[in-house]
């Protein structure tokens, strides 16, 4: 998970929530937390490679 947190800037609260979510999934079923992280990583990779496909979000609205 540290890799993702180094690739993309997360606000502190989001990073904490991501860590907690991975832990919760891992407690639910062994390996599920890793699968969840893989999906998050894949999604971030898609956004990084094709940023124009997604809406920009500002503090007040989505553009």
PDB file of N, CA and C in Angstrom:
ATOM      1  N   UNK A   1       0.823  -1.193   0.000  1.00  0.00           N
ATOM      2  CA  UNK A   1       0.000   0.000   0.000  1.00  0.00           C
ATOM      3  C   UNK A   1       0.866   1.255   0.000  1.00  0.00           C
ATOM      4  N   UNK A   2       2.032   1.173   0.549  1.00  0.00           N
ATOM      5  CA  UNK A   2       2.901   2.340   0.586  1.00  0.00           C
ATOM      6  C   UNK A   2       3.204   2.836  -0.817  1.00  0.00           C
ATOM      7  N   UNK A   3       3.321   1.928  -1.787  1.00  0.00           N
ATOM      8  CA  UNK A   3       3.575   2.330  -3.169  1.00  0.00           C
ATOM      9  C   UNK A   3       2.524   3.304  -3.675  1.00  0.00           C
ATOM     10  N   UNK A   4       1.266   2.965  -3.469  1.00  0.00           N
ATOM     11  CA  UNK A   4       0.169   3.822  -3.937  1.00  0.00           C
ATOM     12  C   UNK A   4       0.230   5.178  -3.249  1.00  0.00           C
ATOM     13  N   UNK A   5       0.476   5.177  -1.970  1.00  0.00           N
ATOM     14  CA  UNK A   5       0.510   6.439  -1.242  1.00  0.00           C
ATOM     15  C   UNK A   5       1.687   7.296  -1.683  1.00  0.00           C
ATOM     16  N   UNK A   6       2.701   6.692  -2.286  1.00  0.00           N
ATOM     17  CA  UNK A   6       3.830   7.452  -2.823  1.00  0.00           C
ATOM     18  C   UNK A   6       3.564   7.935  -4.243  1.00  0.00           C
ATOM     19  N   UNK A   7       2.736   7.223  -5.002  1.00  0.00           N
ATOM     20  CA  UNK A   7       2.441   7.580  -6.390  1.00  0.00           C
ATOM     21  C   UNK A   7       1.472   8.750  -6.487  1.00  0.00           C
ATOM     22  N   UNK A   8       0.507   8.764  -5.595  1.00  0.00           N
ATOM     23  CA  UNK A   8      -0.591   9.726  -5.657  1.00  0.00           C
ATOM     24  C   UNK A   8      -0.678  10.444  -4.319  1.00  0.00           C
ATOM     25  N   UNK A   9      -0.977  11.727  -4.378  1.00  0.00           N
ATOM     26  CA  UNK A   9      -1.116  12.485  -3.142  1.00  0.00           C
ATOM     27  C   UNK A   9      -2.536  12.307  -2.588  1.00  0.00           C
ATOM     28  N   UNK A  10      -2.626  11.727  -1.423  1.00  0.00           N
ATOM     29  CA  UNK A  10      -3.897  11.560  -0.724  1.00  0.00           C
ATOM     30  C   UNK A  10      -3.926  12.538   0.447  1.00  0.00           C
ATOM     31  N   UNK A  11      -5.091  13.097   0.713  1.00  0.00           N
ATOM     32  CA  UNK A  11      -5.209  13.864   1.956  1.00  0.00           C
ATOM     33  C   UNK A  11      -5.115  12.853   3.095  1.00  0.00           C
ATOM     34  N   UNK A  12      -4.686  13.317   4.236  1.00  0.00           N
ATOM     35  CA  UNK A  12      -4.437  12.445   5.387  1.00  0.00           C
ATOM     36  C   UNK A  12      -5.642  11.555   5.709  1.00  0.00           C
ATOM     37  N   UNK A  13      -6.824  12.142   5.707  1.00  0.00           N
ATOM     38  CA  UNK A  13      -8.029  11.392   6.056  1.00  0.00           C
ATOM     39  C   UNK A  13      -8.289  10.262   5.061  1.00  0.00           C
ATOM     40  N   UNK A  14      -8.072  10.541   3.774  1.00  0.00           N
ATOM     41  CA  UNK A  14      -8.299   9.525   2.744  1.00  0.00           C
ATOM     42  C   UNK A  14      -7.288   8.389   2.874  1.00  0.00           C
ATOM     43  N   UNK A  15      -6.040   8.724   3.139  1.00  0.00           N
ATOM     44  CA  UNK A  15      -5.006   7.696   3.322  1.00  0.00           C
ATOM     45  C   UNK A  15      -5.348   6.812   4.512  1.00  0.00           C
ATOM     46  N   UNK A  16      -5.792   7.431   5.598  1.00  0.00           N
ATOM     47  CA  UNK A  16      -6.184   6.658   6.786  1.00  0.00           C
ATOM     48  C   UNK A  16      -7.378   5.754   6.486  1.00  0.00           C
ATOM     49  N   UNK A  17      -8.355   6.283   5.774  1.00  0.00           N
ATOM     50  CA  UNK A  17      -9.533   5.492   5.425  1.00  0.00           C
ATOM     51  C   UNK A  17      -9.160   4.322   4.520  1.00  0.00           C
ATOM     52  N   UNK A  18      -8.244   4.552   3.602  1.00  0.00           N
ATOM     53  CA  UNK A  18      -7.792   3.476   2.721  1.00  0.00           C
ATOM     54  C   UNK A  18      -7.122   2.372   3.535  1.00  0.00           C
ATOM     55  N   UNK A  19      -6.237   2.742   4.447  1.00  0.00           N
ATOM     56  CA  UNK A  19      -5.575   1.754   5.307  1.00  0.00           C
ATOM     57  C   UNK A  19      -6.598   0.960   6.117  1.00  0.00           C
ATOM     58  N   UNK A  20      -7.548   1.665   6.703  1.00  0.00           N
ATOM     59  CA  UNK A  20      -8.583   1.000   7.498  1.00  0.00           C
ATOM     60  C   UNK A  20      -9.413   0.046   6.652  1.00  0.00           C
ATOM     61  N   UNK A  21      -9.743   0.471   5.448  1.00  0.00           N
ATOM     62  CA  UNK A  21     -10.551  -0.365   4.554  1.00  0.00           C
ATOM     63  C   UNK A  21      -9.802  -1.638   4.166  1.00  0.00           C
ATOM     64  N   UNK A  22      -8.531  -1.504   3.850  1.00  0.00           N
ATOM     65  CA  UNK A  22      -7.722  -2.675   3.508  1.00  0.00           C
ATOM     66  C   UNK A  22      -7.705  -3.645   4.693  1.00  0.00           C
ATOM     67  N   UNK A  23      -7.515  -3.117   5.871  1.00  0.00           N
ATOM     68  CA  UNK A  23      -7.517  -3.959   7.078  1.00  0.00           C
ATOM     69  C   UNK A  23      -8.844  -4.649   7.290  1.00  0.00           C
ATOM     70  N   UNK A  24      -9.929  -3.923   7.104  1.00  0.00           N
ATOM     71  CA  UNK A  24     -11.263  -4.503   7.292  1.00  0.00           C
ATOM     72  C   UNK A  24     -11.508  -5.637   6.298  1.00  0.00           C
ATOM     73  N   UNK A  25     -11.169  -5.390   5.022  1.00  0.00           N
ATOM     74  CA  UNK A  25     -11.347  -6.436   4.015  1.00  0.00           C
ATOM     75  C   UNK A  25     -10.475  -7.645   4.325  1.00  0.00           C
ATOM     76  N   UNK A  26      -9.269  -7.408   4.777  1.00  0.00           N
ATOM     77  CA  UNK A  26      -8.358  -8.513   5.089  1.00  0.00           C
ATOM     78  C   UNK A  26      -8.875  -9.340   6.258  1.00  0.00           C
ATOM     79  N   UNK A  27      -9.486  -8.674   7.239  1.00  0.00           N
ATOM     80  CA  UNK A  27     -10.086  -9.404   8.367  1.00  0.00           C
ATOM     81  C   UNK A  27     -11.316 -10.195   7.922  1.00  0.00           C
ATOM     82  N   UNK A  28     -12.021  -9.682   6.935  1.00  0.00           N
ATOM     83  CA  UNK A  28     -13.222 -10.366   6.432  1.00  0.00           C
ATOM     84  C   UNK A  28     -12.863 -11.666   5.734  1.00  0.00           C
ATOM     85  N   UNK A  29     -11.807 -11.636   4.941  1.00  0.00           N
ATOM     86  CA  UNK A  29     -11.359 -12.836   4.226  1.00  0.00           C
ATOM     87  C   UNK A  29      -9.892 -12.649   3.859  1.00  0.00           C
ATOM     88  N   UNK A  30      -9.097 -13.636   4.177  1.00  0.00           N
ATOM     89  CA  UNK A  30      -7.665 -13.555   3.898  1.00  0.00           C
ATOM     90  C   UNK A  30      -7.422 -13.311   2.407  1.00  0.00           C
ATOM     91  N   UNK A  31      -6.616 -12.307   2.124  1.00  0.00           N
ATOM     92  CA  UNK A  31      -6.288 -11.967   0.745  1.00  0.00           C
ATOM     93  C   UNK A  31      -7.220 -10.933   0.128  1.00  0.00           C
ATOM     94  N   UNK A  32      -8.378 -10.706   0.748  1.00  0.00           N
ATOM     95  CA  UNK A  32      -9.340  -9.757   0.194  1.00  0.00           C
ATOM     96  C   UNK A  32      -8.817  -8.317   0.271  1.00  0.00           C
ATOM     97  N   UNK A  33      -8.084  -7.996   1.327  1.00  0.00           N
ATOM     98  CA  UNK A  33      -7.495  -6.671   1.451  1.00  0.00           C
ATOM     99  C   UNK A  33      -6.502  -6.397   0.326  1.00  0.00           C
ATOM    100  N   UNK A  34      -5.720  -7.422  -0.010  1.00  0.00           N
ATOM    101  CA  UNK A  34      -4.762  -7.282  -1.114  1.00  0.00           C
ATOM    102  C   UNK A  34      -5.479  -7.121  -2.444  1.00  0.00           C
ATOM    103  N   UNK A  35      -6.541  -7.875  -2.645  1.00  0.00           N
ATOM    104  CA  UNK A  35      -7.310  -7.744  -3.890  1.00  0.00           C
ATOM    105  C   UNK A  35      -7.921  -6.348  -3.996  1.00  0.00           C
ATOM    106  N   UNK A  36      -8.424  -5.845  -2.870  1.00  0.00           N
ATOM    107  CA  UNK A  36      -8.984  -4.499  -2.841  1.00  0.00           C
ATOM    108  C   UNK A  36      -7.912  -3.476  -3.218  1.00  0.00           C
ATOM    109  N   UNK A  37      -6.706  -3.609  -2.633  1.00  0.00           N
ATOM    110  CA  UNK A  37      -5.615  -2.687  -2.946  1.00  0.00           C
ATOM    111  C   UNK A  37      -5.220  -2.779  -4.408  1.00  0.00           C
ATOM    112  N   UNK A  38      -5.234  -3.991  -4.962  1.00  0.00           N
ATOM    113  CA  UNK A  38      -4.923  -4.159  -6.391  1.00  0.00           C
ATOM    114  C   UNK A  38      -5.915  -3.391  -7.254  1.00  0.00           C
ATOM    115  N   UNK A  39      -7.186  -3.429  -6.881  1.00  0.00           N
ATOM    116  CA  UNK A  39      -8.211  -2.693  -7.636  1.00  0.00           C
ATOM    117  C   UNK A  39      -8.006  -1.184  -7.520  1.00  0.00           C
ATOM    118  N   UNK A  40      -7.671  -0.723  -6.326  1.00  0.00           N
ATOM    119  CA  UNK A  40      -7.395   0.709  -6.126  1.00  0.00           C
ATOM    120  C   UNK A  40      -6.201   1.107  -6.986  1.00  0.00           C
ATOM    121  N   UNK A  41      -5.154   0.292  -6.966  1.00  0.00           N
ATOM    122  CA  UNK A  41      -3.956   0.573  -7.754  1.00  0.00           C
ATOM    123  C   UNK A  41      -4.271   0.610  -9.248  1.00  0.00           C
ATOM    124  N   UNK A  42      -5.072  -0.334  -9.719  1.00  0.00           N
ATOM    125  CA  UNK A  42      -5.453  -0.367 -11.138  1.00  0.00           C
ATOM    126  C   UNK A  42      -6.242   0.877 -11.521  1.00  0.00           C
ATOM    127  N   UNK A  43      -7.135   1.285 -10.653  1.00  0.00           N
ATOM    128  CA  UNK A  43      -7.949   2.472 -10.918  1.00  0.00           C
ATOM    129  C   UNK A  43      -7.083   3.723 -10.990  1.00  0.00           C
ATOM    130  N   UNK A  44      -6.161   3.861 -10.052  1.00  0.00           N
ATOM    131  CA  UNK A  44      -5.262   5.012 -10.059  1.00  0.00           C
ATOM    132  C   UNK A  44      -4.400   5.003 -11.313  1.00  0.00           C
ATOM    133  N   UNK A  45      -3.949   3.829 -11.717  1.00  0.00           N
ATOM    134  CA  UNK A  45      -3.148   3.711 -12.938  1.00  0.00           C
ATOM    135  C   UNK A  45      -3.945   4.162 -14.159  1.00  0.00           C
ATOM    136  N   UNK A  46      -5.224   3.746 -14.251  1.00  0.00           N
ATOM    137  CA  UNK A  46      -6.074   4.178 -15.377  1.00  0.00           C
ATOM    138  C   UNK A  46      -6.246   5.689 -15.386  1.00  0.00           C
ATOM    139  N   UNK A  47      -6.466   6.266 -14.234  1.00  0.00           N
ATOM    140  CA  UNK A  47      -6.634   7.714 -14.139  1.00  0.00           C
ATOM    141  C   UNK A  47      -5.349   8.422 -14.537  1.00  0.00           C
ATOM    142  N   UNK A  48      -4.216   7.908 -14.092  1.00  0.00           N
ATOM    143  CA  UNK A  48      -2.921   8.501 -14.411  1.00  0.00           C
ATOM    144  C   UNK A  48      -2.637   8.466 -15.913  1.00  0.00           C
ATOM    145  N   UNK A  49      -2.979   7.347 -16.544  1.00  0.00           N
ATOM    146  CA  UNK A  49      -2.717   7.190 -17.974  1.00  0.00           C
ATOM    147  C   UNK A  49      -3.704   7.959 -18.852  1.00  0.00           C
ATOM    148  N   UNK A  50      -4.932   8.154 -18.354  1.00  0.00           N
ATOM    149  CA  UNK A  50      -5.983   8.799 -19.152  1.00  0.00           C
ATOM    150  C   UNK A  50      -6.757   9.828 -18.331  1.00  0.00           C
ATOM    151  N   UNK A  51      -6.104  10.847 -17.828  1.00  0.00           N
ATOM    152  CA  UNK A  51      -6.787  11.792 -16.934  1.00  0.00           C
ATOM    153  C   UNK A  51      -7.954  12.536 -17.586  1.00  0.00           C
ATOM    154  N   UNK A  52      -7.925  12.705 -18.884  1.00  0.00           N
ATOM    155  CA  UNK A  52      -8.996  13.451 -19.561  1.00  0.00           C
ATOM    156  C   UNK A  52     -10.312  12.671 -19.592  1.00  0.00           C
ATOM    157  N   UNK A  53     -10.274  11.393 -19.283  1.00  0.00           N
ATOM    158  CA  UNK A  53     -11.495  10.581 -19.280  1.00  0.00           C
ATOM    159  C   UNK A  53     -12.357  10.819 -18.037  1.00  0.00           C
ATOM    160  N   UNK A  54     -11.806  11.511 -17.054  1.00  0.00           N
ATOM    161  CA  UNK A  54     -12.493  11.671 -15.773  1.00  0.00           C
ATOM    162  C   UNK A  54     -12.754  13.135 -15.470  1.00  0.00           C
ATOM    163  N   UNK A  55     -13.784  13.383 -14.674  1.00  0.00           N
ATOM    164  CA  UNK A  55     -14.122  14.750 -14.295  1.00  0.00           C
ATOM    165  C   UNK A  55     -13.089  15.311 -13.332  1.00  0.00           C
ATOM    166  N   UNK A  56     -12.812  16.593 -13.497  1.00  0.00           N
ATOM    167  CA  UNK A  56     -11.992  17.308 -12.542  1.00  0.00           C
ATOM    168  C   UNK A  56     -12.878  17.729 -11.385  1.00  0.00           C
ATOM    169  N   UNK A  57     -12.353  17.620 -10.186  1.00  0.00           N
ATOM    170  CA  UNK A  57     -13.119  18.029  -9.024  1.00  0.00           C
ATOM    171  C   UNK A  57     -12.387  19.177  -8.350  1.00  0.00           C
ATOM    172  N   UNK A  58     -13.099  20.283  -8.174  1.00  0.00           N
ATOM    173  CA  UNK A  58     -12.531  21.411  -7.450  1.00  0.00           C
ATOM    174  C   UNK A  58     -13.145  21.409  -6.055  1.00  0.00           C
ATOM    175  N   UNK A  59     -12.771  22.355  -5.247  1.00  0.00           N
ATOM    176  CA  UNK A  59     -13.293  22.416  -3.885  1.00  0.00           C
ATOM    177  C   UNK A  59     -14.809  22.579  -3.864  1.00  0.00           C
ATOM    178  N   UNK A  60     -15.370  23.226  -4.911  1.00  0.00           N
ATOM    179  CA  UNK A  60     -16.793  23.521  -4.886  1.00  0.00           C
ATOM    180  C   UNK A  60     -17.628  22.669  -5.837  1.00  0.00           C
ATOM    181  N   UNK A  61     -17.023  22.182  -6.919  1.00  0.00           N
ATOM    182  CA  UNK A  61     -17.836  21.447  -7.889  1.00  0.00           C
ATOM    183  C   UNK A  61     -16.981  20.580  -8.797  1.00  0.00           C
ATOM    184  N   UNK A  62     -17.648  19.682  -9.482  1.00  0.00           N
ATOM    185  CA  UNK A  62     -16.986  18.879 -10.507  1.00  0.00           C
ATOM    186  C   UNK A  62     -17.042  19.637 -11.818  1.00  0.00           C
ATOM    187  N   UNK A  63     -15.967  19.585 -12.574  1.00  0.00           N
ATOM    188  CA  UNK A  63     -15.916  20.299 -13.848  1.00  0.00           C
ATOM    189  C   UNK A  63     -15.994  19.291 -14.982  1.00  0.00           C
TER     190      UNK A  63
END
